[in-house]
Amino acid sequence: MDKKKLMLLLGALVVAIGTAMAARTLFAGASAPKAEAAQVPQGPKVLVAQRALPVGTIITADSISFQAWPKEMVQDVYFLDGKADMNKLLGTVVRFPVTAGQPVTQGALVSPGDRSFLAAALGPGMRAVTIPVSARTGVAGFVFPGDHVDLVLTQTVRGNNSRESLKAAETILRNVRVLATDQSTDTDVVDGKTVVRGFRTITVEVTPKIAEKVAVAQTLGTISLALRSLADNQAELDQAIASGTVKLPAGATKEQEEKLLSQAMNRPQDGATTFVTGGDVSRFERRTMPPPPVTERVATASAPSAAPGFAAAPRGPVVRVTRGKNTSVEQVGGR
């Protein structure tokens, strides 16, 4: 190999080595891209809705919270952290619908004692009725405004013989929303804990037809409350959607769907009642109503000891015999 070609080969080798070293230095010195956290809005904290709040929603601790908000977007009608008392906001009622994540304005809430407060808490077409309760029938005070309960009617059913009766308990209504306990619609919170207090009456939200049913039930016996789990409402709502009882319109917006679902979850359920009688609890109690005693008198001319044309009701086993429109009581074995 001549000298000229050797020099060219060495020059190319030097250039290749330099290029490789420069590329290695470039890649080694370049740092991996760093993920930058989203900038949190710097500004005062305002009160926002944690979920969709339809009209008539009773404000609870888990429905609202304070959140940082851009300073230039803060309005005078917002509730500001440090200036608004959260304890006074609990138990208020939503007057205008508020979407999830939207700031809650002062005009959107109605406070207890304000005019038309209870009317604002009612849904469209609903009514408010008051039911007397005690510590025994009212879940020992562990029922608060905004909770959902079942109503259980306990009564003693008398037979024709006043000495015989049937004791029964029947769940007459399900998923009834509690609006107030006594005359209070708020919840006392001390050191972050909800205070349990006794009450003698509760006010619930029902339909006009159910209001009539509750009024009659109060004259029949004692009404007790059965507190419902929040998971029960969601499970029954999912079942209602799957069965087609609750239908969501096609093309509905998220706000419209949330409104329809909220109305369905707050709707009291009437019908398909369940019951338990004394015989289901104790073997010494009845399961059914006692049969009425045989007091009929039958027309006959063969009983000399009876009044003319009548005879005392036969003793022993009897059967009822119907011939056309006439029904008579015949003693078994008699003629």
Protein backbone atom coordinates (compact mmCIF):
# COMPACT_ATOMS: atom_id res chain seq x y z
CA MET A 1 0.00 0.00 0.00
CA ASP A 2 1.40 3.35 -1.01
CA LYS A 3 1.94 6.17 1.41
CA LYS A 4 -0.92 8.35 0.09
CA LYS A 5 -3.61 5.68 0.62
CA LEU A 6 -2.27 4.94 4.07
CA MET A 7 -2.59 8.57 5.07
CA LEU A 8 -6.18 8.73 3.81
CA LEU A 9 -7.09 5.59 5.75
CA LEU A 10 -5.59 6.93 8.97
CA GLY A 11 -7.37 10.26 8.48
CA ALA A 12 -10.74 8.53 8.02
CA LEU A 13 -10.12 6.42 11.12
CA VAL A 14 -9.34 9.50 13.20
CA VAL A 15 -12.50 11.24 11.98
CA ALA A 16 -14.61 8.16 12.81
CA ILE A 17 -13.13 7.89 16.30
CA GLY A 18 -13.72 11.61 16.92
CA THR A 19 -17.30 11.41 15.72
CA ALA A 20 -17.99 8.43 17.97
CA MET A 21 -16.50 10.17 21.00
CA ALA A 22 -18.50 13.35 20.32
CA ALA A 23 -21.75 11.38 19.97
CA ARG A 24 -21.09 9.48 23.19
CA THR A 25 -20.43 12.71 25.06
CA LEU A 26 -23.58 14.27 23.65
CA PHE A 27 -25.86 11.38 24.67
CA ALA A 28 -24.23 10.93 28.06
CA GLY A 29 -24.55 14.60 28.90
CA ALA A 30 -28.23 14.84 27.84
CA SER A 31 -30.53 14.30 30.83
CA ALA A 32 -33.80 12.41 30.62
CA PRO A 33 -36.89 14.64 30.32
CA LYS A 34 -38.34 15.49 33.72
CA ALA A 35 -42.06 15.28 34.38
CA GLU A 36 -43.28 18.59 35.67
CA ALA A 37 -46.23 18.64 38.04
CA ALA A 38 -49.27 20.61 36.97
CA GLN A 39 -49.26 24.06 38.37
CA VAL A 40 -51.68 24.35 41.26
CA PRO A 41 -53.68 27.53 41.04
CA GLN A 42 -52.23 30.02 43.46
CA GLY A 43 -54.88 31.99 45.23
CA PRO A 44 -57.47 31.85 48.00
CA LYS A 45 -59.45 28.68 48.69
CA VAL A 46 -63.11 28.79 47.74
CA LEU A 47 -65.96 26.41 48.53
CA VAL A 48 -66.67 23.97 45.67
CA ALA A 49 -69.06 21.06 45.20
CA GLN A 50 -67.50 17.60 45.49
CA ARG A 51 -70.35 16.10 43.47
CA ALA A 52 -73.39 17.28 41.54
CA LEU A 53 -75.82 19.05 43.89
CA PRO A 54 -79.37 19.16 42.46
CA VAL A 55 -82.03 21.49 43.82
CA GLY A 56 -83.14 20.43 47.29
CA THR A 57 -79.88 18.71 48.26
CA ILE A 58 -79.09 18.98 51.97
CA ILE A 59 -75.46 20.01 52.40
CA THR A 60 -73.35 17.46 54.30
CA ALA A 61 -69.64 17.40 55.16
CA ASP A 62 -68.78 15.14 52.21
CA SER A 63 -70.61 17.20 49.58
CA ILE A 64 -68.47 20.38 49.74
CA SER A 65 -64.85 21.35 50.46
CA PHE A 66 -62.46 24.27 50.07
CA GLN A 67 -60.17 24.27 47.04
CA ALA A 68 -57.49 26.65 45.76
CA TRP A 69 -58.81 28.94 43.03
CA PRO A 70 -57.11 31.43 40.69
CA LYS A 71 -57.10 34.83 42.36
CA GLU A 72 -58.30 36.67 39.28
CA MET A 73 -61.38 34.39 39.05
CA VAL A 74 -62.55 34.75 42.65
CA GLN A 75 -65.89 36.56 43.00
CA ASP A 76 -67.48 38.27 45.96
CA VAL A 77 -70.32 35.71 46.13
CA TYR A 78 -67.91 32.81 46.77
CA PHE A 79 -67.40 31.30 50.22
CA LEU A 80 -63.73 31.83 51.19
CA ASP A 81 -61.71 29.64 53.52
CA GLY A 82 -61.13 31.42 56.80
CA LYS A 83 -64.16 33.68 56.37
CA ALA A 84 -66.97 31.13 55.93
CA ASP A 85 -68.03 28.94 58.87
CA MET A 86 -68.33 25.35 57.67
CA ASN A 87 -70.52 24.38 60.64
CA LYS A 88 -73.11 26.95 59.58
CA LEU A 89 -73.09 25.67 56.01
CA LEU A 90 -73.90 22.10 57.02
CA GLY A 91 -77.65 21.51 56.88
CA THR A 92 -78.32 24.25 54.34
CA VAL A 93 -80.27 23.40 51.20
CA VAL A 94 -79.28 23.92 47.57
CA ARG A 95 -81.58 26.43 45.85
CA PHE A 96 -79.96 26.27 42.39
CA PRO A 97 -78.26 23.22 40.82
CA VAL A 98 -74.47 23.12 41.23
CA THR A 99 -72.26 20.87 39.09
CA ALA A 100 -69.31 18.92 40.48
CA GLY A 101 -66.22 21.10 40.89
CA GLN A 102 -68.17 24.35 40.56
CA PRO A 103 -67.84 27.02 43.27
CA VAL A 104 -70.86 27.26 45.57
CA THR A 105 -72.23 30.79 45.69
CA GLN A 106 -73.94 32.40 48.66
CA GLY A 107 -77.20 32.73 46.74
CA ALA A 108 -77.26 29.00 45.93
CA LEU A 109 -77.84 27.97 49.56
CA VAL A 110 -80.85 28.44 51.82
CA SER A 111 -80.13 28.42 55.56
CA PRO A 112 -82.40 26.92 58.23
CA GLY A 113 -84.80 29.54 59.49
CA ASP A 114 -84.92 31.34 56.15
CA ARG A 115 -88.27 31.80 54.51
CA SER A 116 -89.39 28.84 52.38
CA PHE A 117 -86.44 26.77 53.60
CA LEU A 118 -88.37 23.50 53.85
CA ALA A 119 -90.12 24.13 50.53
CA ALA A 120 -86.69 24.54 48.89
CA ALA A 121 -85.59 21.19 50.32
CA LEU A 122 -88.49 19.38 48.67
CA GLY A 123 -88.16 17.94 45.21
CA PRO A 124 -90.71 18.76 42.50
CA GLY A 125 -94.09 17.19 43.31
CA MET A 126 -92.99 16.00 46.76
CA ARG A 127 -94.52 16.65 50.18
CA ALA A 128 -93.18 16.86 53.75
CA VAL A 129 -94.80 14.90 56.57
CA THR A 130 -93.81 14.64 60.24
CA ILE A 131 -93.70 11.38 62.18
CA PRO A 132 -93.40 11.05 65.97
CA VAL A 133 -90.56 8.78 67.11
CA SER A 134 -88.66 7.94 70.29
CA ALA A 135 -85.15 6.80 71.12
CA ARG A 136 -86.32 3.20 70.62
CA THR A 137 -88.09 3.77 67.31
CA GLY A 138 -85.69 6.45 66.00
CA VAL A 139 -82.41 4.45 65.88
CA ALA A 140 -81.26 6.07 69.15
CA GLY A 141 -80.73 9.44 67.48
CA PHE A 142 -78.31 8.17 64.82
CA VAL A 143 -80.51 9.52 62.02
CA PHE A 144 -79.51 12.89 60.53
CA PRO A 145 -81.03 15.18 57.88
CA GLY A 146 -80.14 13.82 54.46
CA ASP A 147 -80.16 10.16 55.53
CA HIS A 148 -82.53 7.61 54.01
CA VAL A 149 -84.68 5.30 56.14
CA ASP A 150 -87.30 2.59 55.85
CA LEU A 151 -90.58 2.95 57.77
CA VAL A 152 -91.74 -0.11 59.73
CA LEU A 153 -95.31 -0.28 61.08
CA THR A 154 -95.88 -2.43 64.19
CA GLN A 155 -99.49 -3.16 65.12
CA THR A 156 -101.76 -5.57 66.96
CA VAL A 157 -104.61 -6.86 64.81
CA ARG A 158 -107.71 -7.89 66.76
CA GLY A 159 -109.90 -10.78 65.66
CA ASN A 160 -113.65 -11.12 66.10
CA ASN A 161 -112.89 -12.41 69.58
CA SER A 162 -111.19 -9.55 71.42
CA ARG A 163 -109.13 -12.02 73.44
CA GLU A 164 -107.38 -13.27 70.31
CA SER A 165 -105.04 -11.03 68.33
CA LEU A 166 -102.21 -11.09 65.82
CA LYS A 167 -98.98 -9.11 66.33
CA ALA A 168 -97.30 -8.00 63.09
CA ALA A 169 -94.55 -5.70 61.81
CA GLU A 170 -94.55 -4.53 58.19
CA THR A 171 -92.09 -2.46 56.16
CA ILE A 172 -94.52 -0.06 54.51
CA LEU A 173 -92.04 2.35 52.84
CA ARG A 174 -88.43 2.22 51.69
CA ASN A 175 -85.77 4.80 50.85
CA VAL A 176 -87.50 7.77 52.50
CA ARG A 177 -85.30 10.88 52.74
CA VAL A 178 -85.11 12.63 56.12
CA LEU A 179 -85.48 16.40 55.85
CA ALA A 180 -85.30 17.38 59.52
CA THR A 181 -85.18 16.01 63.04
CA ASP A 182 -87.47 17.92 65.40
CA GLN A 183 -87.21 21.47 64.00
CA SER A 184 -83.53 21.21 63.09
CA THR A 185 -82.13 20.59 59.63
CA ASP A 186 -78.45 21.03 60.45
CA THR A 187 -75.85 18.76 62.03
CA ASP A 188 -73.74 19.76 65.03
CA VAL A 189 -70.01 19.11 64.58
CA VAL A 190 -67.63 19.49 67.54
CA ASP A 191 -63.89 18.87 67.09
CA GLY A 192 -64.59 17.26 63.74
CA LYS A 193 -67.09 14.76 65.17
CA THR A 194 -70.82 14.71 64.56
CA VAL A 195 -72.84 15.14 67.74
CA VAL A 196 -75.62 12.56 68.24
CA ARG A 197 -78.72 14.03 69.84
CA GLY A 198 -82.17 12.76 70.61
CA PHE A 199 -85.29 13.89 68.81
CA ARG A 200 -89.02 13.31 69.12
CA THR A 201 -90.16 13.88 65.53
CA ILE A 202 -88.71 13.55 62.05
CA THR A 203 -89.86 15.23 58.84
CA VAL A 204 -89.55 13.12 55.70
CA GLU A 205 -90.02 13.69 51.97
CA VAL A 206 -92.75 11.64 50.28
CA THR A 207 -95.16 11.74 47.36
CA PRO A 208 -98.74 12.99 47.93
CA LYS A 209 -100.10 9.42 47.84
CA ILE A 210 -97.48 8.18 50.30
CA ALA A 211 -98.29 11.12 52.59
CA GLU A 212 -101.83 9.76 52.89
CA LYS A 213 -100.45 6.30 53.60
CA VAL A 214 -98.22 7.62 56.39
CA ALA A 215 -101.14 9.50 57.94
CA VAL A 216 -103.22 6.32 58.11
CA ALA A 217 -100.28 4.23 59.35
CA GLN A 218 -99.88 6.52 62.37
CA THR A 219 -103.42 5.63 63.49
CA LEU A 220 -102.86 1.87 63.15
CA GLY A 221 -99.81 1.40 65.34
CA THR A 222 -96.23 2.48 66.00
CA ILE A 223 -93.87 3.60 63.22
CA SER A 224 -90.18 2.74 63.62
CA LEU A 225 -87.20 3.86 61.55
CA ALA A 226 -84.68 1.54 59.92
CA LEU A 227 -81.55 3.39 58.76
CA ARG A 228 -80.41 2.49 55.26
CA SER A 229 -76.82 2.05 54.09
CA LEU A 230 -75.52 4.35 51.36
CA ALA A 231 -74.37 1.26 49.46
CA ASP A 232 -77.96 -0.04 49.38
CA ASN A 233 -79.14 3.02 47.46
CA GLN A 234 -76.42 2.65 44.83
CA ALA A 235 -77.00 -1.10 44.46
CA GLU A 236 -80.76 -0.65 44.03
CA LEU A 237 -80.14 2.17 41.55
CA ASP A 238 -77.86 -0.05 39.45
CA GLN A 239 -80.51 -2.78 39.55
CA ALA A 240 -83.23 -0.32 38.50
CA ILE A 241 -81.12 0.88 35.56
CA ALA A 242 -80.37 -2.71 34.49
CA SER A 243 -84.05 -3.69 34.67
CA GLY A 244 -85.17 -0.61 32.73
CA THR A 245 -87.14 0.92 35.61
CA VAL A 246 -84.88 3.98 35.44
CA LYS A 247 -84.21 4.97 31.83
CA LEU A 248 -81.51 7.43 30.81
CA PRO A 249 -82.36 9.28 27.58
CA ALA A 250 -79.99 8.88 24.67
CA GLY A 251 -77.68 11.83 24.15
CA ALA A 252 -78.19 13.18 27.66
CA THR A 253 -75.39 15.30 29.07
CA LYS A 254 -73.49 14.33 32.19
CA GLU A 255 -75.33 16.97 34.23
CA GLN A 256 -78.71 15.65 33.03
CA GLU A 257 -77.75 12.07 33.87
CA GLU A 258 -76.59 13.07 37.35
CA LYS A 259 -79.86 14.92 37.94
CA LEU A 260 -81.97 11.93 36.86
CA LEU A 261 -79.92 9.51 38.94
CA SER A 262 -80.11 11.76 41.99
CA GLN A 263 -83.90 11.99 41.68
CA ALA A 264 -84.14 8.20 41.36
CA MET A 265 -81.96 7.62 44.43
CA ASN A 266 -84.05 10.02 46.53
CA ARG A 267 -87.39 8.63 45.39
CA PRO A 268 -89.30 6.78 48.14
CA GLN A 269 -90.35 3.24 47.26
CA ASP A 270 -93.92 2.11 47.86
CA GLY A 271 -95.33 -1.36 47.34
CA ALA A 272 -93.90 -4.89 47.59
CA THR A 273 -93.95 -4.67 51.37
CA THR A 274 -92.53 -7.36 53.64
CA PHE A 275 -93.93 -8.38 57.02
CA VAL A 276 -93.27 -10.56 60.04
CA THR A 277 -95.93 -11.90 62.42
CA GLY A 278 -95.70 -13.07 66.00
CA GLY A 279 -95.52 -16.69 64.90
CA ASP A 280 -92.33 -15.97 62.95
CA VAL A 281 -90.68 -14.80 66.18
CA SER A 282 -92.15 -17.06 68.86
CA ARG A 283 -93.79 -20.46 68.65
CA PHE A 284 -96.32 -19.30 71.22
CA GLU A 285 -97.71 -16.55 68.95
CA ARG A 286 -100.05 -16.76 65.99
CA ARG A 287 -98.96 -16.68 62.36
CA THR A 288 -102.37 -15.81 60.93
CA MET A 289 -105.60 -14.26 62.06
CA PRO A 290 -107.79 -16.55 64.21
CA PRO A 291 -110.87 -17.88 62.39
CA PRO A 292 -114.13 -16.09 63.20
CA PRO A 293 -116.55 -17.99 65.49
CA VAL A 294 -119.69 -19.50 63.99
CA THR A 295 -122.52 -17.21 65.10
CA GLU A 296 -124.95 -17.70 62.27
CA ARG A 297 -128.41 -19.05 62.90
CA VAL A 298 -130.00 -21.19 60.30
CA ALA A 299 -133.68 -21.40 59.47
CA THR A 300 -135.13 -24.77 60.40
CA ALA A 301 -138.40 -26.20 61.69
CA SER A 302 -136.94 -29.22 63.47
CA ALA A 303 -135.55 -27.49 66.60
CA PRO A 304 -138.32 -27.21 69.22
CA SER A 305 -136.09 -25.40 71.72
CA ALA A 306 -135.35 -22.49 69.41
CA ALA A 307 -137.49 -19.53 68.52
CA PRO A 308 -140.04 -20.18 65.79
CA GLY A 309 -138.28 -20.55 62.47
CA PHE A 310 -134.72 -20.39 63.96
CA ALA A 311 -132.36 -22.78 65.72
CA ALA A 312 -129.17 -22.23 67.67
CA ALA A 313 -125.97 -22.63 65.72
CA PRO A 314 -125.03 -26.33 65.63
CA ARG A 315 -122.21 -27.52 67.85
CA GLY A 316 -119.28 -29.54 66.61
CA PRO A 317 -117.83 -29.66 63.09
CA VAL A 318 -119.86 -27.76 60.52
CA VAL A 319 -119.72 -27.10 56.78
CA ARG A 320 -121.16 -24.32 54.68
CA VAL A 321 -123.44 -25.46 51.89
CA THR A 322 -124.41 -23.09 49.10
CA ARG A 323 -127.38 -23.85 46.88
CA GLY A 324 -127.89 -21.17 44.28
CA LYS A 325 -128.00 -17.89 46.19
CA ASN A 326 -128.71 -19.48 49.58
CA THR A 327 -125.94 -20.54 52.01
CA SER A 328 -126.58 -22.65 55.09
CA VAL A 329 -124.45 -24.09 57.87
CA GLU A 330 -124.83 -27.87 58.25
CA GLN A 331 -123.50 -29.97 61.11
CA VAL A 332 -121.26 -32.79 60.02
CA GLY A 333 -123.06 -36.10 60.55
CA GLY A 334 -126.44 -34.40 60.92
CA ARG A 335 -129.36 -34.66 58.54
